[in-house]
Protein backbone atom coordinates (compact mmCIF):
# COMPACT_ATOMS: atom_id res chain seq x y z
CA MET A 1 46.70 283.90 -143.75
CA LEU A 2 44.19 283.61 -140.72
CA ARG A 3 46.55 283.31 -138.07
CA SER A 4 48.25 285.96 -138.50
CA LEU A 5 46.77 289.15 -136.78
CA ARG A 6 47.25 291.59 -140.08
CA GLY A 7 45.11 288.49 -142.41
CA ARG A 8 42.01 288.76 -139.75
CA LEU A 9 42.62 292.83 -139.74
CA VAL A 10 41.88 292.32 -143.68
CA LEU A 11 39.36 289.70 -143.59
CA LEU A 12 37.38 291.84 -140.42
CA LEU A 13 37.89 295.05 -143.35
CA LEU A 14 36.93 292.37 -146.25
CA LEU A 15 33.63 291.32 -144.31
CA LEU A 16 32.81 295.05 -143.12
CA VAL A 17 32.82 296.23 -146.99
CA VAL A 18 30.52 293.54 -147.62
CA ALA A 19 27.86 294.11 -145.32
CA ALA A 20 28.09 297.85 -146.22
CA ALA A 21 27.66 296.74 -150.29
CA ALA A 22 24.70 294.56 -149.24
CA THR A 23 23.20 297.15 -146.38
CA ALA A 24 23.34 299.55 -149.27
CA MET A 25 22.11 297.53 -151.85
CA LEU A 26 19.12 296.29 -149.20
CA MET A 27 18.34 300.16 -149.13
CA ILE A 28 18.67 300.81 -152.51
CA GLY A 29 15.82 298.34 -153.01
CA LEU A 30 13.79 299.40 -149.99
CA PHE A 31 13.91 302.70 -152.02
CA HIS A 32 12.90 301.68 -154.93
CA GLN A 33 10.11 299.81 -153.65
CA SER A 34 9.21 302.64 -152.03
CA ALA A 35 9.02 304.98 -155.27
CA ALA A 36 6.96 302.06 -156.62
CA ALA A 37 3.95 302.74 -154.11
CA ARG A 38 4.67 305.99 -154.90
CA VAL A 39 3.91 305.79 -158.00
CA GLY A 40 0.81 303.11 -157.53
CA GLN A 41 -0.70 305.79 -155.20
CA ALA A 42 0.02 308.41 -157.56
CA ALA A 43 -2.00 306.14 -160.18
CA ALA A 44 -4.76 305.88 -158.17
CA GLU A 45 -4.99 309.62 -157.11
CA ASN A 46 -4.18 310.75 -161.41
CA SER A 47 -7.83 308.04 -161.77
CA ARG A 48 -9.57 309.47 -158.85
CA ALA A 49 -8.80 313.07 -160.39
CA CYS A 50 -10.31 311.36 -164.03
CA GLU A 51 -13.59 310.19 -161.98
CA ALA A 52 -13.72 313.78 -160.32
CA ILE A 53 -13.87 315.57 -163.67
CA VAL A 54 -16.55 312.62 -164.72
CA THR A 55 -18.80 313.15 -161.59
CA ALA A 56 -18.39 316.92 -162.35
CA TYR A 57 -19.67 316.44 -166.04
CA ARG A 58 -22.57 314.37 -165.14
CA GLN A 59 -23.90 317.10 -162.82
CA TYR A 60 -22.64 319.92 -165.38
CA ALA A 61 -24.66 317.68 -167.86
CA SER A 62 -27.70 317.09 -165.46
CA GLY A 63 -28.32 320.81 -165.50
CA GLY A 64 -30.66 321.20 -168.89
CA ASP A 65 -27.87 322.38 -171.09
CA ARG A 66 -27.97 320.06 -174.50
CA SER A 67 -26.47 322.35 -177.19
CA GLN A 68 -23.68 321.00 -178.88
CA LEU A 69 -20.25 322.27 -178.39
CA ALA A 70 -19.42 324.33 -181.48
CA GLY A 71 -15.55 325.50 -182.06
CA ASP A 72 -16.79 329.10 -181.24
CA ASP A 73 -18.85 328.17 -178.39
CA THR A 74 -16.87 330.04 -175.97
CA ASP A 75 -19.12 329.83 -173.47
CA VAL A 76 -19.49 326.51 -173.00
CA ARG A 77 -15.67 325.79 -173.01
CA LYS A 78 -15.12 328.19 -170.01
CA ARG A 79 -17.39 326.45 -168.03
CA LEU A 80 -15.63 323.26 -168.74
CA VAL A 81 -12.76 324.44 -168.04
CA THR A 82 -14.21 325.82 -164.48
CA LEU A 83 -15.53 322.03 -164.47
CA VAL A 84 -12.14 320.82 -164.58
CA GLN A 85 -10.55 323.71 -162.28
CA SER A 86 -13.27 322.58 -159.55
CA ALA A 87 -12.97 319.30 -159.86
CA LEU A 88 -8.57 319.59 -159.46
CA GLN A 89 -8.26 322.26 -157.01
CA ASN A 90 -7.85 319.95 -154.09
CA ARG A 91 -5.23 317.50 -155.76
CA PRO A 92 -1.79 318.83 -155.77
CA GLY A 93 0.61 318.00 -159.23
CA VAL A 94 -2.70 317.41 -161.38
CA GLN A 95 -3.37 318.56 -164.51
CA GLY A 96 -6.11 317.69 -167.03
CA GLY A 97 -8.93 318.66 -169.22
CA ILE A 98 -11.29 317.46 -172.07
CA TRP A 99 -10.95 315.83 -175.45
CA GLN A 100 -13.29 315.41 -177.89
CA ARG A 101 -12.64 313.33 -180.91
CA ASP A 102 -11.69 315.62 -184.28
CA VAL A 103 -11.35 318.73 -182.13
CA GLY A 104 -8.92 317.78 -179.28
CA SER A 105 -8.48 319.42 -176.32
CA VAL A 106 -11.81 321.60 -175.69
CA ALA A 107 -11.03 322.61 -171.71
CA PHE A 108 -7.24 322.30 -169.74
CA ALA A 109 -6.58 323.03 -165.95
CA PHE A 110 -3.93 322.86 -163.67
CA PRO A 111 -5.37 324.95 -160.60
CA THR A 112 -2.87 323.86 -158.30
CA TYR A 113 0.38 324.91 -160.55
CA ASP A 114 2.57 326.83 -158.61
CA GLY A 115 4.69 328.96 -161.44
CA PRO A 116 4.81 332.52 -162.41
CA ALA A 117 1.62 331.96 -164.73
CA ALA A 118 -1.21 329.88 -164.78
CA ARG A 119 -0.99 327.12 -167.83
CA LEU A 120 -3.78 327.44 -169.81
CA GLU A 121 -3.05 324.66 -172.83
CA PRO A 122 -2.16 321.21 -172.30
CA PRO A 123 1.96 320.75 -172.22
CA GLY A 124 3.14 320.40 -176.07
CA GLY A 125 5.55 317.47 -176.09
CA GLU A 126 2.74 315.68 -174.13
CA LEU A 127 0.04 315.59 -176.56
CA PRO A 128 0.52 312.77 -179.13
CA ARG A 129 0.30 310.78 -175.75
CA ILE A 130 -3.12 312.88 -174.34
CA ARG A 131 -4.61 312.38 -177.54
CA ASP A 132 -3.79 308.29 -177.80
CA ILE A 133 -5.38 308.15 -174.03
CA ASN A 134 -8.31 310.00 -174.80
CA VAL A 135 -8.75 307.78 -178.40
CA SER A 136 -7.90 304.39 -175.87
CA ALA A 137 -10.95 305.00 -173.94
CA LEU A 138 -13.28 306.52 -176.41
CA ASN A 139 -12.78 303.26 -178.31
CA ALA A 140 -12.96 301.04 -175.37
CA GLU A 141 -15.81 302.99 -173.83
CA ARG A 142 -14.22 302.69 -170.23
CA PRO A 143 -11.79 304.04 -168.40
CA ALA A 144 -7.43 304.19 -169.84
CA SER A 145 -4.44 304.65 -168.35
CA GLY A 146 -0.94 305.31 -169.16
CA ARG A 147 2.36 304.76 -167.69
CA TYR A 148 5.62 306.41 -168.89
CA ASP A 149 9.11 306.00 -167.34
CA ALA A 150 11.94 308.05 -167.81
CA ARG A 151 15.50 308.04 -166.00
CA SER A 152 13.97 309.99 -163.16
CA GLN A 153 10.57 310.43 -162.90
CA THR A 154 7.03 308.60 -164.17
CA LEU A 155 4.44 310.23 -166.12
CA LEU A 156 0.79 308.91 -165.27
CA ILE A 157 -1.94 309.75 -167.65
CA ALA A 158 -5.74 308.84 -166.95
CA ALA A 159 -8.94 309.04 -169.63
CA CYS A 160 -12.14 308.57 -168.69
CA PRO A 161 -15.49 308.57 -171.08
CA LEU A 162 -17.87 311.45 -170.28
CA PRO A 163 -21.15 310.16 -171.04
CA GLY A 164 -24.26 313.16 -171.90
CA PRO A 165 -25.30 315.50 -175.09
CA ILE A 166 -21.97 316.75 -176.19
CA PRO A 167 -20.55 313.24 -178.11
CA HIS A 168 -17.11 311.99 -178.22
CA LEU A 169 -15.75 313.46 -174.99
CA THR A 170 -13.12 312.24 -172.57
CA ALA A 171 -12.07 313.63 -169.44
CA TRP A 172 -8.23 313.14 -168.59
CA THR A 173 -6.04 314.33 -166.21
CA MET A 174 -2.16 313.73 -165.72
CA THR A 175 1.28 313.78 -163.46
CA TRP A 176 4.40 313.40 -162.69
CA THR A 177 6.07 311.40 -159.89
CA PHE A 178 9.36 312.22 -159.29
CA MET A 179 11.56 309.27 -158.20
CA PHE A 180 14.72 310.80 -157.00
CA ALA A 181 12.65 313.33 -154.55
CA GLY A 182 10.62 313.63 -151.65
CA ARG A 183 11.48 312.28 -147.89
CA SER A 184 12.44 308.79 -149.25
CA TYR A 185 14.52 309.83 -151.29
CA LEU A 186 16.49 312.26 -148.64
CA GLN A 187 16.46 308.91 -146.05
CA LEU A 188 18.31 307.27 -148.57
CA MET A 189 20.67 309.68 -149.40
CA ALA A 190 21.39 310.13 -145.71
CA GLY A 191 21.72 306.51 -145.19
CA GLN A 192 24.10 306.11 -148.22
CA ALA A 193 26.29 309.14 -146.93
CA VAL A 194 26.33 307.64 -143.32
CA LEU A 195 26.72 303.90 -144.14
CA LEU A 196 29.73 305.91 -146.98
CA VAL A 197 31.44 307.62 -143.52
CA THR A 198 31.05 304.31 -141.56
CA VAL A 199 32.88 302.21 -144.02
CA LEU A 200 35.73 304.87 -144.59
CA LEU A 201 36.11 305.62 -140.57
CA ALA A 202 36.38 301.80 -140.17
CA ALA A 203 38.61 300.73 -142.83
CA ALA A 204 40.74 303.67 -142.04
CA LEU A 205 40.79 302.61 -138.66
CA LEU A 206 41.85 299.35 -139.90
CA ILE A 207 44.12 299.83 -141.83
CA HIS A 208 46.13 301.95 -139.56
CA LEU A 209 45.52 299.40 -136.70
CA THR A 210 47.30 296.68 -139.44
CA MET A 211 50.00 299.14 -140.40
CA THR A 212 50.93 299.95 -137.01
CA TRP A 213 51.11 296.47 -135.29
CA SER A 214 52.67 295.51 -138.43
CA ARG A 215 55.27 298.17 -137.52
CA HIS A 216 55.33 296.97 -133.89
CA VAL A 217 56.00 293.58 -134.43
CA SER A 218 58.41 294.06 -136.94
CA GLN A 219 60.86 296.14 -134.88
CA ILE A 220 60.32 293.98 -131.75
CA GLU A 221 61.49 290.54 -133.84
CA SER A 222 64.52 292.82 -135.29
CA ALA A 223 66.03 294.18 -132.37
CA LEU A 224 65.66 290.50 -131.15
CA ASN A 225 66.98 289.33 -133.77
CA ALA A 226 70.33 291.65 -133.43
CA TYR A 227 70.81 290.26 -130.13
CA ASP A 228 72.02 287.09 -129.02
CA VAL A 229 69.16 284.78 -127.46
CA ALA A 230 71.05 284.71 -123.93
CA ASP A 231 70.92 288.64 -123.98
CA LEU A 232 68.08 290.03 -124.58
CA PRO A 233 67.61 294.53 -125.25
CA VAL A 234 65.33 296.37 -123.35
CA LEU A 235 62.73 296.51 -125.86
CA PRO A 236 60.62 299.95 -125.95
CA PRO A 237 57.59 300.75 -125.05
CA THR A 238 54.95 300.87 -128.29
CA ARG A 239 51.86 302.82 -126.67
CA GLU A 240 49.73 299.60 -127.62
CA ARG A 241 48.76 298.10 -124.43
CA GLU A 242 47.90 295.00 -125.41
CA LEU A 243 51.55 294.53 -127.06
CA ASP A 244 53.06 296.95 -124.16
CA ARG A 245 52.19 293.87 -122.05
CA ILE A 246 54.10 291.41 -124.25
CA VAL A 247 57.08 293.78 -124.60
CA LEU A 248 56.79 294.20 -120.65
CA ALA A 249 57.11 290.50 -120.13
CA LEU A 250 59.81 290.04 -122.36
CA ASN A 251 62.14 292.63 -121.21
CA ASP A 252 61.20 290.92 -117.77
CA ALA A 253 62.90 287.78 -119.27
CA GLY A 254 64.71 289.09 -120.68
CA ARG A 255 66.03 290.45 -117.35
CA ARG A 256 65.73 287.14 -115.87
CA LEU A 257 67.58 284.81 -118.13
CA SER A 258 70.45 287.80 -118.22
CA ALA A 259 70.45 287.14 -114.12
CA ALA A 260 69.66 283.23 -114.94
CA ARG A 261 73.04 283.80 -117.28
CA GLN A 262 75.19 285.37 -114.80
CA ARG A 263 74.12 283.31 -112.01
CA GLY A 264 74.85 279.71 -114.73
CA ASP A 265 78.97 282.02 -115.60
CA GLU A 266 79.87 282.27 -111.90
CA LEU A 267 78.15 278.10 -111.74
CA ALA A 268 80.47 277.07 -114.33
CA ARG A 269 83.66 279.32 -113.29
CA GLN A 270 83.32 277.66 -109.88
CA MET A 271 82.78 274.24 -111.50
CA ALA A 272 85.56 274.68 -113.67
CA THR A 273 87.91 275.81 -110.46
CA ALA A 274 86.89 272.33 -108.85
CA GLU A 275 87.45 270.20 -111.66
CA ARG A 276 90.55 271.95 -112.30
CA LEU A 277 91.66 271.86 -108.43
CA ALA A 278 90.52 267.99 -108.61
CA ALA A 279 92.70 267.60 -111.69
CA ILE A 280 95.35 269.20 -110.33
CA GLY A 281 94.82 266.66 -106.99
CA ARG A 282 94.99 263.53 -108.91
CA VAL A 283 97.37 264.37 -110.91
CA ALA A 284 99.77 265.69 -107.77
CA ALA A 285 98.46 262.78 -105.93
CA GLY A 286 99.48 260.13 -108.78
CA VAL A 287 102.98 262.04 -109.46
CA ALA A 288 103.07 261.63 -105.48
CA HIS A 289 102.94 258.10 -105.44
CA GLU A 290 104.83 257.15 -108.49
CA ILE A 291 107.53 259.48 -107.25
CA ARG A 292 107.38 258.02 -103.83
CA ASN A 293 108.04 254.48 -104.65
CA PRO A 294 111.28 254.84 -106.14
CA ILE A 295 112.26 257.30 -104.05
CA ALA A 296 111.98 254.69 -101.08
CA ALA A 297 113.61 252.24 -103.32
CA MET A 298 116.70 253.85 -103.40
CA ARG A 299 116.72 255.10 -100.07
CA LEU A 300 116.88 251.68 -98.63
CA LYS A 301 119.45 250.41 -100.71
CA ALA A 302 121.74 253.50 -100.12
CA GLU A 303 121.08 252.60 -96.33
CA SER A 304 122.22 249.34 -96.83
CA ALA A 305 125.09 250.24 -98.61
CA VAL A 306 126.04 252.55 -96.61
CA ALA A 307 125.54 250.00 -93.80
CA GLY A 308 126.75 246.91 -95.59
CA GLY A 309 130.06 248.09 -96.62
CA PRO A 310 132.19 248.20 -100.40
CA GLU A 311 130.67 245.07 -100.79
CA ARG A 312 126.89 246.59 -101.36
CA GLN A 313 127.58 249.45 -102.54
CA PRO A 314 127.93 247.86 -106.58
CA GLN A 315 124.19 246.72 -106.19
CA ALA A 316 122.62 248.76 -104.73
CA LEU A 317 123.98 251.11 -107.45
CA GLN A 318 122.43 249.16 -109.95
CA VAL A 319 119.39 249.16 -108.25
CA ILE A 320 119.15 253.07 -107.80
CA LEU A 321 120.24 253.80 -111.23
CA GLY A 322 117.20 251.59 -112.28
CA GLU A 323 114.96 253.92 -109.98
CA ILE A 324 116.36 257.18 -111.32
CA GLU A 325 115.11 255.37 -115.09
CA ARG A 326 111.96 255.05 -113.93
CA LEU A 327 111.82 258.07 -112.74
CA ASP A 328 112.75 260.11 -115.59
CA THR A 329 110.18 257.85 -118.31
CA LEU A 330 108.16 259.18 -115.67
CA VAL A 331 108.80 262.52 -116.16
CA ARG A 332 109.07 262.13 -119.88
CA ARG A 333 105.43 260.97 -120.06
CA LEU A 334 103.88 263.65 -118.14
CA LEU A 335 106.15 266.12 -120.10
CA SER A 336 104.23 264.61 -123.44
CA ILE A 337 101.11 264.95 -121.51
CA THR A 338 101.43 268.93 -120.72
CA GLU A 339 104.00 270.34 -123.37
CA HIS A 340 101.24 270.09 -126.40
CA ASP A 341 103.25 269.74 -129.74
CA THR A 342 102.06 270.90 -132.70
CA PRO A 343 101.89 267.95 -134.87
CA LYS A 344 104.02 267.65 -138.04
CA ARG A 345 101.79 266.27 -140.65
CA GLU A 346 103.49 264.79 -143.19
CA GLN A 347 101.76 262.30 -146.24
CA VAL A 348 102.14 258.62 -144.58
CA GLU A 349 101.59 255.29 -146.32
CA VAL A 350 98.87 253.95 -143.85
CA ARG A 351 99.10 250.15 -144.20
CA SER A 352 103.14 250.76 -143.87
CA PHE A 353 102.74 252.26 -140.94
CA LEU A 354 100.33 250.06 -138.84
CA GLN A 355 103.08 247.56 -140.03
CA ALA A 356 105.82 249.13 -138.75
CA CYS A 357 103.59 249.93 -135.10
CA VAL A 358 102.82 246.16 -134.74
CA ALA A 359 106.81 244.76 -135.37
CA GLN A 360 107.82 246.22 -132.23
CA HIS A 361 105.96 244.19 -130.20
CA VAL A 362 105.65 240.95 -132.04
CA GLU A 363 108.07 239.03 -129.77
CA ARG A 364 106.46 240.57 -126.82
CA ALA A 365 103.07 239.17 -128.21
CA ALA A 366 104.47 235.75 -128.77
CA ALA A 367 105.84 235.53 -125.77
CA ARG A 368 102.41 236.09 -123.77
CA GLY A 369 101.06 234.02 -126.64
CA VAL A 370 98.69 236.24 -128.30
CA THR A 371 98.88 236.76 -132.02
CA LEU A 372 99.15 240.25 -133.42
CA ALA A 373 97.46 241.63 -136.70
CA CYS A 374 96.95 244.52 -138.48
CA ALA A 375 94.77 245.73 -141.84
CA ALA A 376 94.04 249.19 -143.67
CA ASP A 377 91.16 249.97 -146.20
CA ALA A 378 92.85 253.44 -146.54
CA GLN A 379 96.16 254.35 -148.51
CA LEU A 380 97.34 257.08 -147.81
CA ALA A 381 96.84 260.20 -144.77
CA ARG A 382 98.29 263.35 -143.28
CA PHE A 383 99.45 263.41 -139.86
CA ASP A 384 102.78 263.27 -137.55
CA PRO A 385 103.74 259.53 -137.20
CA ASP A 386 105.83 260.00 -134.04
CA GLN A 387 103.19 260.93 -132.15
CA LEU A 388 100.85 258.81 -133.81
CA LYS A 389 103.07 255.94 -133.06
CA ARG A 390 103.33 256.70 -129.74
CA ALA A 391 99.78 256.86 -128.91
CA LEU A 392 98.89 253.19 -130.91
CA ASP A 393 102.37 251.92 -128.96
CA ASN A 394 100.37 252.51 -125.74
CA LEU A 395 97.36 250.94 -127.15
CA ILE A 396 98.79 247.93 -127.92
CA LEU A 397 100.53 247.70 -124.68
CA ASN A 398 97.41 247.62 -122.86
CA ALA A 399 95.87 245.25 -125.70
CA LEU A 400 98.66 243.05 -124.51
CA ASN A 401 98.51 243.69 -121.07
CA ALA A 402 94.41 242.70 -121.07
CA ALA A 403 94.35 240.22 -123.88
CA PRO A 404 94.02 236.84 -122.49
CA ALA A 405 96.57 234.06 -123.84
CA ASP A 406 96.18 232.48 -127.60
CA SER A 407 93.99 235.17 -128.56
CA ARG A 408 93.87 237.79 -131.12
CA ILE A 409 95.00 241.73 -131.35
CA GLU A 410 93.95 243.88 -134.35
CA VAL A 411 95.34 247.10 -135.12
CA VAL A 412 92.90 248.36 -137.94
CA ALA A 413 92.96 251.77 -140.23
CA ILE A 414 89.19 252.49 -141.90
CA GLY A 415 88.91 254.48 -144.29
CA ARG A 416 85.55 256.91 -143.65
CA PRO A 417 83.99 259.85 -145.29
CA GLU A 418 84.78 262.50 -142.87
CA ALA A 419 87.80 260.85 -140.86
CA LEU A 420 90.49 257.98 -140.51
CA VAL A 421 90.00 255.75 -137.97
CA LEU A 422 92.37 253.41 -136.45
CA SER A 423 91.34 250.83 -133.87
CA VAL A 424 93.44 248.62 -131.73
CA ARG A 425 90.65 245.41 -131.03
CA ASP A 426 91.82 242.98 -128.30
CA GLN A 427 89.44 240.29 -126.52
CA GLY A 428 89.91 241.66 -123.26
CA ALA A 429 87.44 242.32 -120.61
CA GLY A 430 88.18 246.13 -120.79
CA PRO A 431 88.51 248.33 -117.80
CA PRO A 432 86.81 248.70 -114.81
CA HIS A 433 83.88 250.23 -114.29
CA ASP A 434 84.37 252.44 -111.68
CA ILE A 435 87.10 254.08 -113.76
CA ALA A 436 85.79 254.32 -116.78
CA ASP A 437 84.65 257.92 -116.44
CA HIS A 438 88.15 259.44 -115.98
CA LEU A 439 89.84 256.47 -118.48
CA PHE A 440 91.39 258.69 -120.31
CA GLU A 441 92.51 261.08 -117.02
CA PRO A 442 96.37 261.24 -116.00
CA PHE A 443 97.39 258.58 -113.19
CA VAL A 444 93.76 256.67 -113.63
CA THR A 445 94.74 252.70 -114.81
CA GLY A 446 92.99 249.80 -113.52
CA ARG A 447 96.38 247.69 -112.96
CA PRO A 448 98.37 248.35 -109.60
CA ASP A 449 102.33 248.35 -112.23
CA GLY A 450 100.94 250.64 -114.46
CA THR A 451 101.36 254.82 -114.08
CA GLY A 452 97.38 255.87 -115.87
CA LEU A 453 100.03 258.13 -118.06
CA GLY A 454 99.35 255.58 -121.31
CA LEU A 455 95.66 256.89 -122.62
CA SER A 456 95.71 260.16 -121.55
CA ILE A 457 99.02 260.44 -124.00
CA VAL A 458 96.73 258.91 -126.41
CA ARG A 459 93.64 261.47 -126.17
CA GLU A 460 96.63 264.60 -126.26
CA VAL A 461 97.75 263.17 -129.08
CA ALA A 462 93.78 263.06 -130.69
CA GLU A 463 93.01 266.12 -129.73
CA ALA A 464 96.25 267.76 -131.34
CA HIS A 465 95.27 266.23 -134.46
CA GLY A 466 91.66 267.78 -134.58
CA GLY A 467 90.22 264.00 -133.26
CA ALA A 468 89.37 262.03 -130.49
CA VAL A 469 89.11 258.59 -128.98
CA ARG A 470 87.16 256.08 -127.22
CA TYR A 471 86.77 252.75 -125.83
CA VAL A 472 84.01 250.62 -127.21
CA ILE A 473 82.82 247.25 -125.53
CA THR A 474 81.70 244.52 -127.65
CA GLU A 475 80.77 240.96 -127.03
CA LYS A 476 84.17 240.16 -128.41
CA GLY A 477 85.87 242.36 -126.05
CA THR A 478 87.68 245.80 -126.32
CA SER A 479 88.55 248.39 -129.08
CA PHE A 480 89.84 251.42 -128.46
CA GLU A 481 89.62 254.41 -131.42
CA ILE A 482 91.15 257.32 -132.49
CA THR A 483 89.16 259.39 -135.16
CA LEU A 484 91.28 261.83 -136.98
CA PRO A 485 89.86 264.04 -140.05
CA TRP A 486 90.98 263.25 -142.98
CA LEU A 487 94.30 265.60 -144.21
CA THR A 488 95.31 264.11 -147.62
CA SER A 489 97.35 267.43 -148.93
């Protein structure tokens, strides 16, 4: 995956999402820390407000009023309300009052309340909590506080015992701290919004880049696959700077490859022409050489017959007829090379066919002291028996001329999975090295009396059957092999 551009872009997108998530979690964590600090600061401020009421009450009590608080003592209640207002007037968001056991709230004030009407009584919904805190402070005879967390806000209540002539009094204060309000919350929301927009834009850009590059790469790949490698197309620009550099390089390579191919084709045509002319030259030289000798012999005999009179004419005519037969054989061999007759395939029993081919050369082999043998592990095959017999005859004649006395020539047929292999093996030294590369061309021979057409006939017969011919030099001698693809039906 990481080896492709698409995989790397996807990985980059995942890393971006992970980094954004980690940043968002960090921002939320910092916000919660800030909120906790605000709650702590509000709790401290609330406790100080309670102490302020205590201080104001002490001043009030030291003024010499020793009367007990009665239920209808409106004047005392008013003075206590004034006391609480004075203590809380510079403490925004803090409300409080004075509480007495068995009586309840005897004074309440919320001087910083910005509502349409002033609050004169403690909030009814929080009275149970206010009572519990005050009772706790009275029982412990020391300040008490309570914290009540809601989903989006925190309620802070503090209570302080009030020493003085009026028994069982406590001062209490209360404030709310909102989690999702204030500057920190706005900063959090702004940061999260910026982070979200950044991640979405980066994701959209990466997705667009991935899809664009993938589409361009697929188009380039399709265009290249639609043409042969030797004829590359001209690719259109993609408007992507990096990809266009590759496209320009491919187009330039295609132009250079096309020019090189044209030069190669021209050179190939020139080489083919040169080889054809060279082959024609070799054939013409061979034909001229082979024809010149019989013609020279016939001319010599004809001149001798004319000069010698009737007595020498019969002998001269015999020689001339022999040379004409030699020319006729040469012409027939040339025709067998150039006519390219289509093989007339038929079902042939391989062992009997080899025995018939060998039988025609047994007497000549015996005269040279050479043993002829044949073997076949294949039963039936389809080929032209006349053409293949002519090819084997040439190989056997060559083997007889090359094999030393008291040696052995083997004609063998071997059936392989893909083809039938016919081989003629002798114990001779093989053809000269200087003609090895042109051994199967016309008029190439290593013998002074040879025409150089026998092996070229063998090659034509093998290729006409869809096969090939080759020779192999081994430690035991030379082997010429004709390979014929299987045709059994």
